Amino acid sequence: MALDAAPTSFDVGGQPVAVVYASGAVWVANHDDATVSRVDPASGDVSDTYSVGIHPSTIAISDDQLWVTGNPGGIDRS
């Protein structure tokens, strides 16, 4: 994709908070759903959604492993 291309939107989970491009995919941490979505950048389709057991805040890909940090109880927004 050229740098001057128009932005592209993808439908993923609740409150996406972190995005990384790795291993040919766009990975999105969905805080409210406690999931990470794998998006095919060519089609815009979510190819996989992984339940991660915590409310993710950051993600990284290294050596074909998904690393997730977050908070098991979520964020108190009161």
N, C-alpha and C. Protein backbone atom coordinates (compact mmCIF):
# COMPACT_ATOMS: atom_id res chain seq x y z
N MET A 1 0.84 -1.16 0.00
CA MET A 1 0.00 0.00 0.00
C MET A 1 0.89 1.24 0.00
N ALA A 2 0.58 2.18 -0.84
CA ALA A 2 1.33 3.42 -0.90
C ALA A 2 1.03 4.27 0.33
N LEU A 3 1.99 5.07 0.74
CA LEU A 3 1.80 5.91 1.91
C LEU A 3 0.72 6.95 1.72
N ASP A 4 0.39 7.30 0.49
CA ASP A 4 -0.64 8.30 0.24
C ASP A 4 -2.01 7.66 0.04
N ALA A 5 -2.15 6.37 0.28
CA ALA A 5 -3.43 5.67 0.12
C ALA A 5 -4.40 6.09 1.22
N ALA A 6 -5.67 6.00 0.93
CA ALA A 6 -6.71 6.34 1.91
C ALA A 6 -6.70 5.31 3.04
N PRO A 7 -7.02 5.74 4.26
CA PRO A 7 -7.08 4.80 5.38
C PRO A 7 -8.14 3.72 5.13
N THR A 8 -7.93 2.57 5.72
CA THR A 8 -8.87 1.46 5.61
C THR A 8 -9.39 1.11 6.98
N SER A 9 -10.69 0.85 7.08
CA SER A 9 -11.32 0.47 8.35
C SER A 9 -11.60 -1.02 8.37
N PHE A 10 -11.46 -1.63 9.55
CA PHE A 10 -11.76 -3.03 9.75
C PHE A 10 -12.70 -3.15 10.95
N ASP A 11 -13.68 -4.04 10.88
CA ASP A 11 -14.54 -4.32 12.02
C ASP A 11 -13.89 -5.41 12.85
N VAL A 12 -13.57 -5.07 14.10
CA VAL A 12 -12.96 -6.04 15.01
C VAL A 12 -13.78 -6.06 16.30
N GLY A 13 -13.18 -6.40 17.42
CA GLY A 13 -13.89 -6.49 18.69
C GLY A 13 -14.10 -5.16 19.38
N GLY A 14 -14.56 -5.25 20.63
CA GLY A 14 -14.89 -4.06 21.40
C GLY A 14 -13.67 -3.32 21.92
N GLN A 15 -13.65 -2.04 21.73
CA GLN A 15 -12.61 -1.10 22.14
C GLN A 15 -11.22 -1.56 21.71
N PRO A 16 -10.93 -1.50 20.40
CA PRO A 16 -9.57 -1.82 19.96
C PRO A 16 -8.58 -0.80 20.53
N VAL A 17 -7.50 -1.30 21.13
CA VAL A 17 -6.56 -0.42 21.83
C VAL A 17 -5.13 -0.50 21.32
N ALA A 18 -4.79 -1.54 20.57
CA ALA A 18 -3.42 -1.69 20.08
C ALA A 18 -3.46 -2.41 18.74
N VAL A 19 -2.55 -2.02 17.84
CA VAL A 19 -2.48 -2.61 16.51
C VAL A 19 -1.02 -2.86 16.17
N VAL A 20 -0.75 -4.02 15.56
CA VAL A 20 0.59 -4.32 15.09
C VAL A 20 0.46 -5.08 13.77
N TYR A 21 1.40 -4.83 12.85
CA TYR A 21 1.47 -5.59 11.60
C TYR A 21 2.64 -6.54 11.71
N ALA A 22 2.36 -7.84 11.56
CA ALA A 22 3.42 -8.86 11.63
C ALA A 22 2.93 -10.14 10.96
N SER A 23 3.86 -10.90 10.45
CA SER A 23 3.56 -12.20 9.83
C SER A 23 2.47 -12.09 8.77
N GLY A 24 2.46 -10.99 8.02
CA GLY A 24 1.51 -10.82 6.93
C GLY A 24 0.09 -10.50 7.36
N ALA A 25 -0.10 -10.11 8.61
CA ALA A 25 -1.45 -9.82 9.10
C ALA A 25 -1.44 -8.57 9.97
N VAL A 26 -2.61 -7.99 10.14
CA VAL A 26 -2.82 -6.90 11.09
C VAL A 26 -3.44 -7.53 12.33
N TRP A 27 -2.82 -7.30 13.49
CA TRP A 27 -3.27 -7.87 14.76
C TRP A 27 -3.83 -6.73 15.61
N VAL A 28 -5.02 -6.93 16.18
CA VAL A 28 -5.69 -5.89 16.94
C VAL A 28 -6.07 -6.41 18.31
N ALA A 29 -5.66 -5.71 19.37
CA ALA A 29 -6.06 -6.05 20.74
C ALA A 29 -7.39 -5.37 21.02
N ASN A 30 -8.40 -6.16 21.40
CA ASN A 30 -9.74 -5.67 21.69
C ASN A 30 -9.96 -5.71 23.20
N HIS A 31 -9.80 -4.57 23.85
CA HIS A 31 -9.82 -4.51 25.31
C HIS A 31 -11.12 -5.06 25.90
N ASP A 32 -12.27 -4.55 25.47
CA ASP A 32 -13.53 -4.93 26.12
C ASP A 32 -13.91 -6.39 25.90
N ASP A 33 -13.50 -6.97 24.78
CA ASP A 33 -13.84 -8.37 24.47
C ASP A 33 -12.83 -9.36 25.02
N ALA A 34 -11.69 -8.88 25.53
CA ALA A 34 -10.59 -9.74 25.98
C ALA A 34 -10.15 -10.68 24.86
N THR A 35 -10.01 -10.09 23.65
CA THR A 35 -9.61 -10.88 22.48
C THR A 35 -8.53 -10.15 21.70
N VAL A 36 -7.90 -10.90 20.80
CA VAL A 36 -7.00 -10.35 19.78
C VAL A 36 -7.49 -10.86 18.44
N SER A 37 -7.70 -9.95 17.50
CA SER A 37 -8.17 -10.31 16.16
C SER A 37 -7.01 -10.30 15.18
N ARG A 38 -7.02 -11.28 14.27
CA ARG A 38 -6.05 -11.34 13.17
C ARG A 38 -6.81 -10.96 11.90
N VAL A 39 -6.37 -9.89 11.23
CA VAL A 39 -7.06 -9.36 10.06
C VAL A 39 -6.19 -9.56 8.83
N ASP A 40 -6.80 -10.06 7.76
CA ASP A 40 -6.12 -10.16 6.46
C ASP A 40 -6.13 -8.76 5.84
N PRO A 41 -4.96 -8.13 5.69
CA PRO A 41 -4.95 -6.76 5.19
C PRO A 41 -5.41 -6.62 3.74
N ALA A 42 -5.33 -7.68 2.96
CA ALA A 42 -5.76 -7.60 1.56
C ALA A 42 -7.27 -7.57 1.43
N SER A 43 -7.96 -8.38 2.25
CA SER A 43 -9.41 -8.47 2.13
C SER A 43 -10.15 -7.67 3.20
N GLY A 44 -9.48 -7.40 4.33
CA GLY A 44 -10.15 -6.73 5.44
C GLY A 44 -10.95 -7.68 6.31
N ASP A 45 -10.87 -8.98 6.02
CA ASP A 45 -11.62 -9.97 6.79
C ASP A 45 -10.86 -10.36 8.05
N VAL A 46 -11.61 -10.53 9.15
CA VAL A 46 -11.01 -11.07 10.37
C VAL A 46 -10.88 -12.58 10.16
N SER A 47 -9.65 -13.07 10.11
CA SER A 47 -9.43 -14.48 9.83
C SER A 47 -9.44 -15.33 11.10
N ASP A 48 -9.10 -14.74 12.24
CA ASP A 48 -9.12 -15.44 13.52
C ASP A 48 -9.35 -14.44 14.64
N THR A 49 -9.99 -14.90 15.70
CA THR A 49 -10.12 -14.11 16.93
C THR A 49 -9.75 -15.01 18.08
N TYR A 50 -8.81 -14.56 18.89
CA TYR A 50 -8.28 -15.36 19.99
C TYR A 50 -8.72 -14.76 21.32
N SER A 51 -9.34 -15.56 22.17
CA SER A 51 -9.65 -15.15 23.53
C SER A 51 -8.36 -15.23 24.33
N VAL A 52 -8.01 -14.13 25.00
CA VAL A 52 -6.71 -14.10 25.69
C VAL A 52 -6.83 -14.11 27.21
N GLY A 53 -8.06 -14.11 27.75
CA GLY A 53 -8.24 -14.27 29.19
C GLY A 53 -7.98 -13.04 30.03
N ILE A 54 -7.51 -11.96 29.39
CA ILE A 54 -7.31 -10.68 30.06
C ILE A 54 -7.82 -9.60 29.13
N HIS A 55 -7.98 -8.41 29.66
CA HIS A 55 -8.34 -7.27 28.82
C HIS A 55 -7.03 -6.69 28.27
N PRO A 56 -6.70 -7.00 26.99
CA PRO A 56 -5.38 -6.64 26.48
C PRO A 56 -5.20 -5.13 26.33
N SER A 57 -3.96 -4.70 26.55
CA SER A 57 -3.63 -3.29 26.33
C SER A 57 -2.50 -3.14 25.33
N THR A 58 -1.62 -4.13 25.23
CA THR A 58 -0.54 -4.10 24.24
C THR A 58 -0.34 -5.50 23.68
N ILE A 59 0.16 -5.56 22.44
CA ILE A 59 0.44 -6.84 21.80
C ILE A 59 1.75 -6.72 21.03
N ALA A 60 2.38 -7.87 20.83
CA ALA A 60 3.60 -7.94 20.02
C ALA A 60 3.68 -9.33 19.40
N ILE A 61 4.35 -9.43 18.28
CA ILE A 61 4.59 -10.70 17.60
C ILE A 61 6.10 -10.89 17.54
N SER A 62 6.56 -12.07 17.97
CA SER A 62 7.98 -12.39 17.92
C SER A 62 8.14 -13.88 17.69
N ASP A 63 8.94 -14.23 16.69
CA ASP A 63 9.17 -15.65 16.39
C ASP A 63 7.87 -16.43 16.29
N ASP A 64 6.90 -15.87 15.59
CA ASP A 64 5.58 -16.50 15.39
C ASP A 64 4.84 -16.76 16.69
N GLN A 65 5.13 -15.99 17.72
CA GLN A 65 4.39 -16.08 18.98
C GLN A 65 3.70 -14.75 19.23
N LEU A 66 2.48 -14.82 19.74
CA LEU A 66 1.71 -13.64 20.09
C LEU A 66 1.92 -13.35 21.57
N TRP A 67 2.36 -12.13 21.89
CA TRP A 67 2.58 -11.70 23.27
C TRP A 67 1.53 -10.64 23.60
N VAL A 68 0.87 -10.81 24.74
CA VAL A 68 -0.21 -9.92 25.15
C VAL A 68 0.01 -9.49 26.58
N THR A 69 -0.15 -8.19 26.85
CA THR A 69 -0.16 -7.70 28.22
C THR A 69 -1.49 -6.99 28.44
N GLY A 70 -1.91 -6.98 29.69
CA GLY A 70 -3.18 -6.32 29.99
C GLY A 70 -3.56 -6.50 31.44
N ASN A 71 -4.84 -6.35 31.69
CA ASN A 71 -5.38 -6.37 33.02
C ASN A 71 -6.51 -7.40 33.09
N PRO A 72 -6.43 -8.39 33.98
CA PRO A 72 -7.49 -9.40 34.07
C PRO A 72 -8.86 -8.80 34.40
N GLY A 73 -8.88 -7.71 35.17
CA GLY A 73 -10.16 -7.14 35.58
C GLY A 73 -10.64 -5.98 34.74
N GLY A 74 -9.90 -5.60 33.74
CA GLY A 74 -10.29 -4.47 32.93
C GLY A 74 -9.93 -3.16 33.58
N ILE A 75 -10.46 -2.08 33.04
CA ILE A 75 -10.19 -0.74 33.54
C ILE A 75 -11.43 -0.22 34.23
N ASP A 76 -11.29 0.32 35.43
CA ASP A 76 -12.41 0.93 36.14
C ASP A 76 -12.64 2.31 35.54
N ARG A 77 -13.77 2.47 34.85
CA ARG A 77 -14.05 3.75 34.18
C ARG A 77 -15.01 4.61 34.97
N SER A 78 -15.19 4.33 36.27
CA SER A 78 -16.14 5.12 37.06
C SER A 78 -15.57 6.44 37.49
